[in-house]
Amino acid sequence: MAHFGVVAPAFLSHFTTLSALAGALVDRGHKVTFIHRPDAAMFVRDPRIGFHAVGTATHPPGSLAASMRLAANPGGPLGVARVIRDMARSTTMLCETLPAAVERLRIDALLADQMEAAGGLVAEALGLPFISIACALPVNREPGIPLPVMPFGPGTDAKSLKIVEESTRVYDWMMRPHRRAVEAQSRRLGVPVRGMLHEFLSPRAQISQTVEAFEFPRRALPPHFHHVGPLRPVADRPDTRTLPAIAADRPFVFASLGTMQGGRFGLFLRIAKACREAGVQLLLAHCGGLGKRHETALLKAGATWVTDFAPQQAALARADAVISHAGWNTVMDAVAAKTPMLALPIAFDHPGGAARMRHAGVGIQASARFTGAGQLARHLVRLLDDPTFTQRLEPLAAKVALAGGTARAADIVEAALS
């Protein structure tokens, strides 16, 4: 049996997704250990999965909170630049500490999140097998396919190709601090010098939380790229959290902005007011981002229930619509549950998730910053009254059900090592 090391950004959503795959590998007799800064240990919640802390000199205990706050709400261009520099520092730390950790732990292969170049870079330098995992939208590039952070759709006409090309150039310019850090580590570790995330993907296997039917039309993916759908726990460990008593005579809406954006009280307030205006029941989950005072205010504004965490898959299965930030985990869970979406993209790959939702015709997009409660209510009523949204979701949900998910991903990982 193999010992897998996991390298990923220190975000709960990425660790949760990769923990599902790790759990499936543990079930098959393998050993799995996450490797990152000390604070990231709190994201590993399955006691069967290991954690090894690195980088205590540059990323000491207690330092992750500031990085999380910055990433959740960077503000303007200067804040975005700070986020990119913080990413560069994290990648540098991992590149400098992973080789010794891999040797000490006797790691046989790495599971490398596409969003952290250090996994693929260090594996290549050590001659170690690695498998790339796209927890968010895949970073694989090709002409006419917008980057995950971009808010528009694909195209092969001259105008679309130009838009993608120019937007990619702007993105690459903004990412220069990160690229330079990765290039420096490439030189230090003795691998061919490059600096982009898409340049460190596995030649053995690439696994993505997508299904081909709900992705933009791709023409240049490698043969070892696999769409497997959502990575969720395989073992029968039921979520002990329960849904509230939902009345059958009014529509039920679930709202969540994910683990990173749960502190956006003003946006949640508009959502609560919109749901009151639309006459629907609202379960709002802020993922621990708000306190009791804010919860009380949201209940007064129109939310029926407010909680920190809800059983998301159960909530989506019961919901008539979901209001979300278009984070990829929520999007794929909504597709699997055949639940129409009102998307309010905020940052990272949220615009790309919303763009795919629009492309498939399974939801409505609005501005998280500028759309008022009245307009949100009108969008919600349309989403609930128009059956075509659900009808378009039916075949997509069937594709997700057949994609294989975590079990297939584990099969691919094992096959890549044989």
Protein backbone atom coordinates (compact mmCIF):
# COMPACT_ATOMS: atom_id res chain seq x y z
CA MET A 1 0.00 0.00 0.00
CA ALA A 2 1.16 3.55 -0.75
CA HIS A 3 1.68 6.60 1.44
CA PHE A 4 0.22 9.66 -0.28
CA GLY A 5 1.14 13.22 0.62
CA VAL A 6 -1.44 15.94 -0.08
CA VAL A 7 -0.40 19.46 -1.10
CA ALA A 8 -3.12 22.08 -1.46
CA PRO A 9 -3.92 25.71 -0.66
CA ALA A 10 -4.72 26.21 3.03
CA PHE A 11 -8.46 26.68 2.45
CA LEU A 12 -11.16 24.60 4.13
CA SER A 13 -13.02 23.93 0.87
CA HIS A 14 -9.90 22.47 -0.80
CA PHE A 15 -8.97 20.37 2.24
CA THR A 16 -12.56 19.09 2.55
CA THR A 17 -12.68 18.02 -1.08
CA LEU A 18 -9.29 16.32 -0.95
CA SER A 19 -10.19 14.70 2.39
CA ALA A 20 -13.01 12.87 0.63
CA LEU A 21 -10.51 11.35 -1.81
CA ALA A 22 -8.04 10.74 1.02
CA GLY A 23 -10.72 8.90 3.01
CA ALA A 24 -11.49 6.65 0.04
CA LEU A 25 -7.80 5.80 -0.30
CA VAL A 26 -7.55 5.06 3.43
CA ASP A 27 -10.54 2.73 3.07
CA ARG A 28 -8.48 0.83 0.49
CA GLY A 29 -5.55 0.40 2.85
CA HIS A 30 -3.39 3.36 1.86
CA LYS A 31 -1.97 6.02 4.15
CA VAL A 32 -2.59 9.72 3.49
CA THR A 33 -0.95 12.77 5.08
CA PHE A 34 -1.67 16.45 4.41
CA ILE A 35 1.44 18.66 4.50
CA HIS A 36 1.16 22.39 5.20
CA ARG A 37 1.60 25.25 7.67
CA PRO A 38 0.64 24.38 11.28
CA ASP A 39 -2.73 26.19 11.31
CA ALA A 40 -4.01 24.11 8.39
CA ALA A 41 -4.25 21.09 10.69
CA MET A 42 -7.69 22.31 11.77
CA PHE A 43 -9.00 21.57 8.25
CA VAL A 44 -8.21 17.84 8.50
CA ARG A 45 -11.23 16.47 10.34
CA ASP A 46 -11.06 12.76 9.54
CA PRO A 47 -8.96 11.17 12.33
CA ARG A 48 -7.75 8.48 9.93
CA ILE A 49 -5.92 11.08 7.83
CA GLY A 50 -2.56 12.42 8.95
CA PHE A 51 -1.20 15.97 9.06
CA HIS A 52 2.43 17.07 9.02
CA ALA A 53 3.27 20.70 9.82
CA VAL A 54 5.97 22.54 7.86
CA GLY A 55 7.06 26.17 7.59
CA THR A 56 6.80 27.13 11.24
CA ALA A 57 9.62 29.67 10.81
CA THR A 58 7.81 31.70 8.14
CA HIS A 59 4.19 30.64 8.76
CA PRO A 60 3.96 30.13 12.54
CA PRO A 61 0.84 29.00 14.43
CA GLY A 62 -1.75 31.76 14.48
CA SER A 63 -0.69 33.35 11.19
CA LEU A 64 -3.27 31.74 8.91
CA ALA A 65 -6.18 33.87 10.16
CA ALA A 66 -4.72 37.03 8.63
CA SER A 67 -4.23 35.28 5.29
CA MET A 68 -7.83 34.04 5.38
CA ARG A 69 -9.20 37.50 6.13
CA LEU A 70 -7.22 39.01 3.27
CA ALA A 71 -8.28 36.32 0.80
CA ALA A 72 -11.95 36.60 1.81
CA ASN A 73 -12.12 40.35 1.30
CA PRO A 74 -9.09 41.77 -0.53
CA GLY A 75 -10.87 44.96 -1.57
CA GLY A 76 -9.37 46.78 -4.56
CA PRO A 77 -6.34 46.11 -6.77
CA LEU A 78 -3.86 46.73 -3.95
CA GLY A 79 -5.59 44.11 -1.81
CA VAL A 80 -5.58 41.62 -4.68
CA ALA A 81 -1.84 42.25 -5.09
CA ARG A 82 -1.37 41.46 -1.39
CA VAL A 83 -3.28 38.19 -1.82
CA ILE A 84 -1.02 37.22 -4.73
CA ARG A 85 2.11 38.00 -2.74
CA ASP A 86 0.75 35.94 0.14
CA MET A 87 0.18 33.03 -2.26
CA ALA A 88 3.76 33.41 -3.48
CA ARG A 89 5.10 33.24 0.07
CA SER A 90 3.09 30.10 0.78
CA THR A 91 4.31 28.40 -2.40
CA THR A 92 7.91 29.37 -1.59
CA MET A 93 7.57 27.94 1.91
CA LEU A 94 6.18 24.65 0.59
CA CYS A 95 8.86 24.32 -2.07
CA GLU A 96 11.55 24.83 0.58
CA THR A 97 10.09 22.45 3.16
CA LEU A 98 8.35 19.69 1.20
CA PRO A 99 11.46 17.77 0.10
CA ALA A 100 12.57 17.10 3.68
CA ALA A 101 8.99 16.31 4.76
CA VAL A 102 8.52 13.86 1.88
CA GLU A 103 11.75 12.08 2.84
CA ARG A 104 10.93 12.03 6.54
CA LEU A 105 7.40 10.72 6.00
CA ARG A 106 8.50 8.27 3.29
CA ILE A 107 5.88 9.57 0.87
CA ASP A 108 5.38 7.41 -2.24
CA ALA A 109 3.32 9.87 -4.30
CA LEU A 110 1.72 13.30 -4.04
CA LEU A 111 -1.87 14.38 -4.58
CA ALA A 112 -1.28 17.90 -5.86
CA ASP A 113 -4.06 20.48 -5.93
CA GLN A 114 -3.92 22.35 -9.25
CA MET A 115 -4.06 25.65 -7.36
CA GLU A 116 -0.75 25.03 -5.56
CA ALA A 117 2.25 24.79 -7.91
CA ALA A 118 4.52 23.47 -5.15
CA GLY A 119 3.02 19.97 -5.33
CA GLY A 120 3.88 19.33 -8.96
CA LEU A 121 7.14 21.27 -8.82
CA VAL A 122 8.57 19.39 -5.84
CA ALA A 123 7.33 16.02 -7.13
CA GLU A 124 9.10 16.65 -10.42
CA ALA A 125 12.29 17.68 -8.64
CA LEU A 126 12.24 14.53 -6.48
CA GLY A 127 11.23 12.20 -9.31
CA LEU A 128 8.10 11.37 -7.36
CA PRO A 129 4.80 10.30 -9.01
CA PHE A 130 2.01 12.84 -8.57
CA ILE A 131 -1.62 13.22 -9.54
CA SER A 132 -3.14 16.65 -10.16
CA ILE A 133 -6.54 17.37 -8.60
CA ALA A 134 -8.77 20.27 -9.70
CA CYS A 135 -10.86 21.00 -6.60
CA ALA A 136 -11.93 24.28 -8.21
CA LEU A 137 -12.29 24.83 -11.96
CA PRO A 138 -9.42 23.28 -13.92
CA VAL A 139 -6.54 25.59 -14.80
CA ASN A 140 -5.75 23.73 -18.05
CA ARG A 141 -5.46 26.33 -20.79
CA GLU A 142 -6.56 26.32 -24.41
CA PRO A 143 -7.59 28.97 -26.97
CA GLY A 144 -11.14 30.27 -26.57
CA ILE A 145 -11.62 28.92 -23.03
CA PRO A 146 -11.64 31.72 -20.41
CA LEU A 147 -9.56 31.29 -17.30
CA PRO A 148 -11.57 30.17 -14.23
CA VAL A 149 -11.52 33.71 -12.78
CA MET A 150 -13.12 35.25 -15.87
CA PRO A 151 -16.87 36.03 -16.02
CA PHE A 152 -17.58 35.30 -19.70
CA GLY A 153 -18.20 32.25 -21.84
CA PRO A 154 -16.13 30.44 -24.47
CA GLY A 155 -15.93 30.97 -28.19
CA THR A 156 -13.95 30.08 -31.29
CA ASP A 157 -14.70 33.22 -33.35
CA ALA A 158 -12.03 35.87 -33.72
CA LYS A 159 -13.63 38.22 -31.17
CA SER A 160 -13.95 35.55 -28.49
CA LEU A 161 -10.41 34.31 -29.05
CA LYS A 162 -9.16 37.88 -28.69
CA ILE A 163 -11.10 38.46 -25.48
CA VAL A 164 -9.71 35.29 -23.92
CA GLU A 165 -6.19 36.11 -25.08
CA GLU A 166 -6.25 39.66 -23.72
CA SER A 167 -7.89 38.72 -20.41
CA THR A 168 -5.31 35.97 -19.94
CA ARG A 169 -2.52 38.47 -20.58
CA VAL A 170 -3.92 40.79 -17.88
CA TYR A 171 -4.24 37.89 -15.42
CA ASP A 172 -0.68 36.75 -16.07
CA TRP A 173 0.57 40.31 -15.55
CA MET A 174 -1.19 40.50 -12.18
CA MET A 175 0.23 37.12 -11.14
CA ARG A 176 3.85 38.19 -11.75
CA PRO A 177 4.90 38.01 -8.06
CA HIS A 178 3.67 34.43 -7.88
CA ARG A 179 5.23 33.48 -11.22
CA ARG A 180 8.61 34.89 -10.18
CA ALA A 181 8.50 32.96 -6.91
CA VAL A 182 7.72 29.71 -8.72
CA GLU A 183 10.44 30.36 -11.31
CA ALA A 184 12.95 30.97 -8.52
CA GLN A 185 12.03 27.66 -6.88
CA SER A 186 12.26 25.88 -10.23
CA ARG A 187 15.85 27.09 -10.55
CA ARG A 188 16.68 26.18 -6.96
CA LEU A 189 15.26 22.67 -7.30
CA GLY A 190 16.82 22.06 -10.70
CA VAL A 191 13.75 21.61 -12.89
CA PRO A 192 13.05 23.35 -16.22
CA VAL A 193 12.11 26.92 -15.35
CA ARG A 194 8.48 27.94 -15.62
CA GLY A 195 6.07 29.74 -13.32
CA MET A 196 2.39 29.19 -14.20
CA LEU A 197 -0.02 26.87 -12.40
CA HIS A 198 -0.98 25.08 -15.62
CA GLU A 199 2.69 24.28 -16.27
CA PHE A 200 2.91 21.93 -13.26
CA LEU A 201 0.15 19.44 -14.01
CA SER A 202 0.68 15.71 -13.81
CA PRO A 203 1.73 13.71 -16.88
CA ARG A 204 0.16 10.63 -15.25
CA ALA A 205 -3.36 11.64 -14.24
CA GLN A 206 -5.41 14.80 -13.79
CA ILE A 207 -8.70 14.57 -11.89
CA SER A 208 -11.36 17.28 -12.01
CA GLN A 209 -14.57 17.93 -10.07
CA THR A 210 -16.33 18.59 -13.36
CA VAL A 211 -18.51 16.70 -15.80
CA GLU A 212 -17.98 17.22 -19.49
CA ALA A 213 -21.63 18.17 -20.05
CA PHE A 214 -21.36 21.08 -17.58
CA GLU A 215 -17.95 22.32 -18.69
CA PHE A 216 -17.18 24.63 -21.57
CA PRO A 217 -16.47 22.69 -24.80
CA ARG A 218 -12.89 21.50 -24.47
CA ARG A 219 -10.72 20.35 -27.39
CA ALA A 220 -7.21 20.18 -25.98
CA LEU A 221 -7.39 18.29 -22.69
CA PRO A 222 -4.79 15.53 -22.38
CA PRO A 223 -5.96 11.91 -22.57
CA HIS A 224 -5.11 11.45 -18.88
CA PHE A 225 -7.57 14.20 -17.82
CA HIS A 226 -10.62 12.77 -16.05
CA HIS A 227 -13.99 14.44 -15.32
CA VAL A 228 -15.25 12.61 -12.20
CA GLY A 229 -17.85 15.01 -10.78
CA PRO A 230 -18.05 16.04 -7.11
CA LEU A 231 -15.58 14.52 -4.66
CA ARG A 232 -17.65 13.66 -1.59
CA PRO A 233 -17.14 11.08 1.17
CA VAL A 234 -17.70 7.51 -0.02
CA ALA A 235 -18.16 5.80 3.34
CA ASP A 236 -21.57 5.81 4.96
CA ARG A 237 -20.97 8.47 7.61
CA PRO A 238 -24.30 10.30 7.80
CA ASP A 239 -24.35 14.04 8.48
CA THR A 240 -25.77 14.40 11.97
CA ARG A 241 -27.01 17.92 11.25
CA THR A 242 -30.72 18.05 10.44
CA LEU A 243 -32.89 20.37 8.40
CA PRO A 244 -35.54 22.50 10.13
CA ALA A 245 -39.25 21.76 9.81
CA ILE A 246 -39.92 23.11 6.31
CA ALA A 247 -43.54 23.90 5.44
CA ALA A 248 -44.86 22.28 2.28
CA ASP A 249 -47.07 25.20 1.23
CA ARG A 250 -44.28 27.70 0.40
CA PRO A 251 -41.10 27.45 -1.65
CA PHE A 252 -37.92 26.71 0.26
CA VAL A 253 -34.63 28.46 -0.56
CA PHE A 254 -31.17 27.63 0.73
CA ALA A 255 -28.51 30.38 0.83
CA SER A 256 -24.79 30.01 1.47
CA LEU A 257 -21.74 32.03 0.45
CA GLY A 258 -19.28 29.28 1.35
CA THR A 259 -16.62 29.10 4.02
CA MET A 260 -14.60 32.09 2.79
CA GLN A 261 -17.39 34.63 2.27
CA GLY A 262 -19.67 33.84 5.21
CA GLY A 263 -18.97 37.14 6.94
CA ARG A 264 -20.71 39.30 4.31
CA PHE A 265 -23.57 40.47 6.49
CA GLY A 266 -24.73 43.19 4.09
CA LEU A 267 -25.19 40.70 1.25
CA PHE A 268 -26.96 38.23 3.50
CA LEU A 269 -29.25 41.06 4.63
CA ARG A 270 -30.28 41.78 1.04
CA ILE A 271 -30.86 38.06 0.48
CA ALA A 272 -33.07 37.83 3.58
CA LYS A 273 -35.12 40.86 2.52
CA ALA A 274 -35.46 39.47 -1.01
CA CYS A 275 -36.76 36.15 0.29
CA ARG A 276 -39.31 37.92 2.48
CA GLU A 277 -40.48 39.93 -0.55
CA ALA A 278 -40.66 36.77 -2.66
CA GLY A 279 -42.69 34.98 0.03
CA VAL A 280 -40.31 32.04 0.43
CA GLN A 281 -38.79 30.16 3.36
CA LEU A 282 -35.07 30.81 3.70
CA LEU A 283 -32.43 28.69 5.42
CA LEU A 284 -29.29 30.82 5.58
CA ALA A 285 -25.91 29.23 6.44
CA HIS A 286 -23.06 31.66 7.15
CA CYS A 287 -20.39 28.99 7.83
CA GLY A 288 -19.35 30.61 11.09
CA GLY A 289 -18.76 34.04 9.58
CA LEU A 290 -21.38 35.88 11.65
CA GLY A 291 -22.28 36.26 15.33
CA LYS A 292 -25.55 36.05 17.24
CA ARG A 293 -26.33 39.76 16.76
CA HIS A 294 -26.14 39.40 13.00
CA GLU A 295 -28.16 36.19 13.09
CA THR A 296 -30.95 38.00 14.96
CA ALA A 297 -30.92 40.85 12.45
CA LEU A 298 -31.18 38.42 9.54
CA LEU A 299 -34.17 36.68 11.14
CA LYS A 300 -35.88 40.04 11.53
CA ALA A 301 -35.08 40.94 7.91
CA GLY A 302 -36.75 37.86 6.46
CA ALA A 303 -34.68 34.72 6.99
CA THR A 304 -36.72 31.84 8.36
CA TRP A 305 -33.71 30.06 9.85
CA VAL A 306 -30.09 31.17 10.30
CA THR A 307 -27.28 28.80 11.22
CA ASP A 308 -23.52 28.50 10.96
CA PHE A 309 -23.39 25.21 9.05
CA ALA A 310 -26.20 23.24 7.43
CA PRO A 311 -26.22 19.79 5.82
CA GLN A 312 -25.65 21.25 2.36
CA GLN A 313 -26.45 18.23 0.21
CA ALA A 314 -29.66 17.55 2.14
CA ALA A 315 -30.63 21.23 2.00
CA LEU A 316 -30.07 21.38 -1.75
CA ALA A 317 -32.00 18.16 -2.31
CA ARG A 318 -34.99 19.74 -0.52
CA ALA A 319 -34.61 23.30 -1.84
CA ASP A 320 -36.59 24.79 -4.70
CA ALA A 321 -33.67 27.16 -5.39
CA VAL A 322 -30.25 28.02 -3.99
CA ILE A 323 -28.63 31.44 -3.63
CA SER A 324 -24.85 31.16 -3.61
CA HIS A 325 -21.51 32.71 -4.52
CA ALA A 326 -21.08 30.15 -7.34
CA GLY A 327 -18.22 28.40 -5.56
CA TRP A 328 -17.57 25.18 -7.43
CA ASN A 329 -18.50 22.77 -4.61
CA THR A 330 -21.89 24.44 -4.18
CA VAL A 331 -22.46 24.63 -7.94
CA MET A 332 -21.77 20.92 -8.43
CA ASP A 333 -23.90 19.95 -5.43
CA ALA A 334 -26.75 22.05 -6.86
CA VAL A 335 -26.42 20.39 -10.26
CA ALA A 336 -26.43 16.96 -8.65
CA ALA A 337 -29.57 17.91 -6.68
CA LYS A 338 -31.27 19.48 -9.74
CA THR A 339 -31.66 22.76 -7.84
CA PRO A 340 -31.78 26.02 -9.88
CA MET A 341 -29.25 28.65 -8.85
CA LEU A 342 -29.21 32.39 -8.22
CA ALA A 343 -25.49 33.09 -8.45
CA LEU A 344 -23.79 36.07 -6.81
CA PRO A 345 -20.10 35.57 -7.70
CA ILE A 346 -17.62 37.36 -5.48
CA ALA A 347 -13.99 36.30 -6.10
CA PHE A 348 -11.56 33.58 -7.21
CA ASP A 349 -13.26 31.15 -9.63
CA HIS A 350 -16.79 32.23 -8.70
CA PRO A 351 -17.20 34.18 -12.00
CA GLY A 352 -16.18 31.06 -13.92
CA GLY A 353 -18.68 28.93 -12.03
CA ALA A 354 -21.44 31.44 -12.73
CA ALA A 355 -20.44 31.61 -16.40
CA ARG A 356 -20.84 27.83 -16.73
CA MET A 357 -24.20 28.03 -14.97
CA ARG A 358 -25.36 30.66 -17.48
CA HIS A 359 -23.90 28.69 -20.39
CA ALA A 360 -25.96 25.65 -19.34
CA GLY A 361 -29.08 27.74 -18.67
CA VAL A 362 -29.60 26.40 -15.15
CA GLY A 363 -29.65 29.62 -13.20
CA ILE A 364 -29.58 33.41 -13.05
CA GLN A 365 -26.60 35.61 -12.22
CA ALA A 366 -26.73 38.92 -10.37
CA SER A 367 -24.19 41.28 -8.86
CA ALA A 368 -23.19 40.51 -5.28
CA ARG A 369 -22.24 44.16 -4.86
CA PHE A 370 -24.90 46.16 -6.68
CA THR A 371 -28.12 44.13 -6.96
CA GLY A 372 -30.71 45.31 -4.43
CA ALA A 373 -33.18 43.20 -2.49
CA GLY A 374 -36.05 44.04 -4.86
CA GLN A 375 -34.19 42.85 -7.94
CA LEU A 376 -32.97 39.76 -6.13
CA ALA A 377 -36.59 38.97 -5.23
CA ARG A 378 -37.63 39.31 -8.89
CA HIS A 379 -34.80 37.02 -9.99
CA LEU A 380 -35.83 34.50 -7.36
CA VAL A 381 -39.49 34.53 -8.42
CA ARG A 382 -38.45 33.94 -12.03
CA LEU A 383 -36.17 31.10 -10.97
CA LEU A 384 -39.01 29.45 -9.05
CA ASP A 385 -41.72 30.03 -11.67
CA ASP A 386 -39.83 29.01 -14.81
CA PRO A 387 -39.67 25.19 -15.10
CA THR A 388 -37.03 25.26 -17.85
CA PHE A 389 -34.25 25.75 -15.30
CA THR A 390 -35.08 22.44 -13.63
CA GLN A 391 -35.66 20.75 -16.96
CA ARG A 392 -32.15 21.68 -18.13
CA LEU A 393 -30.73 20.37 -14.86
CA GLU A 394 -32.22 16.89 -15.31
CA PRO A 395 -29.72 15.57 -17.90
CA LEU A 396 -26.81 17.29 -16.16
CA ALA A 397 -27.67 15.65 -12.85
CA ALA A 398 -27.79 12.30 -14.64
CA LYS A 399 -24.27 12.91 -15.98
CA VAL A 400 -23.03 13.76 -12.47
CA ALA A 401 -24.57 10.56 -11.11
CA LEU A 402 -22.68 8.55 -13.73
CA ALA A 403 -19.35 10.40 -13.46
CA GLY A 404 -17.98 8.14 -10.75
CA GLY A 405 -17.09 10.74 -8.12
CA THR A 406 -14.70 9.84 -5.32
CA ALA A 407 -14.63 6.09 -5.98
CA ARG A 408 -13.60 6.61 -9.59
CA ALA A 409 -11.03 9.20 -8.55
CA ALA A 410 -9.49 6.66 -6.16
CA ASP A 411 -9.40 4.10 -9.00
CA ILE A 412 -7.57 6.62 -11.20
CA VAL A 413 -5.05 7.43 -8.46
CA GLU A 414 -4.27 3.75 -7.92
CA ALA A 415 -4.02 3.06 -11.64
CA ALA A 416 -1.63 6.01 -12.09
CA LEU A 417 0.82 4.36 -9.69
CA SER A 418 0.64 0.85 -11.14
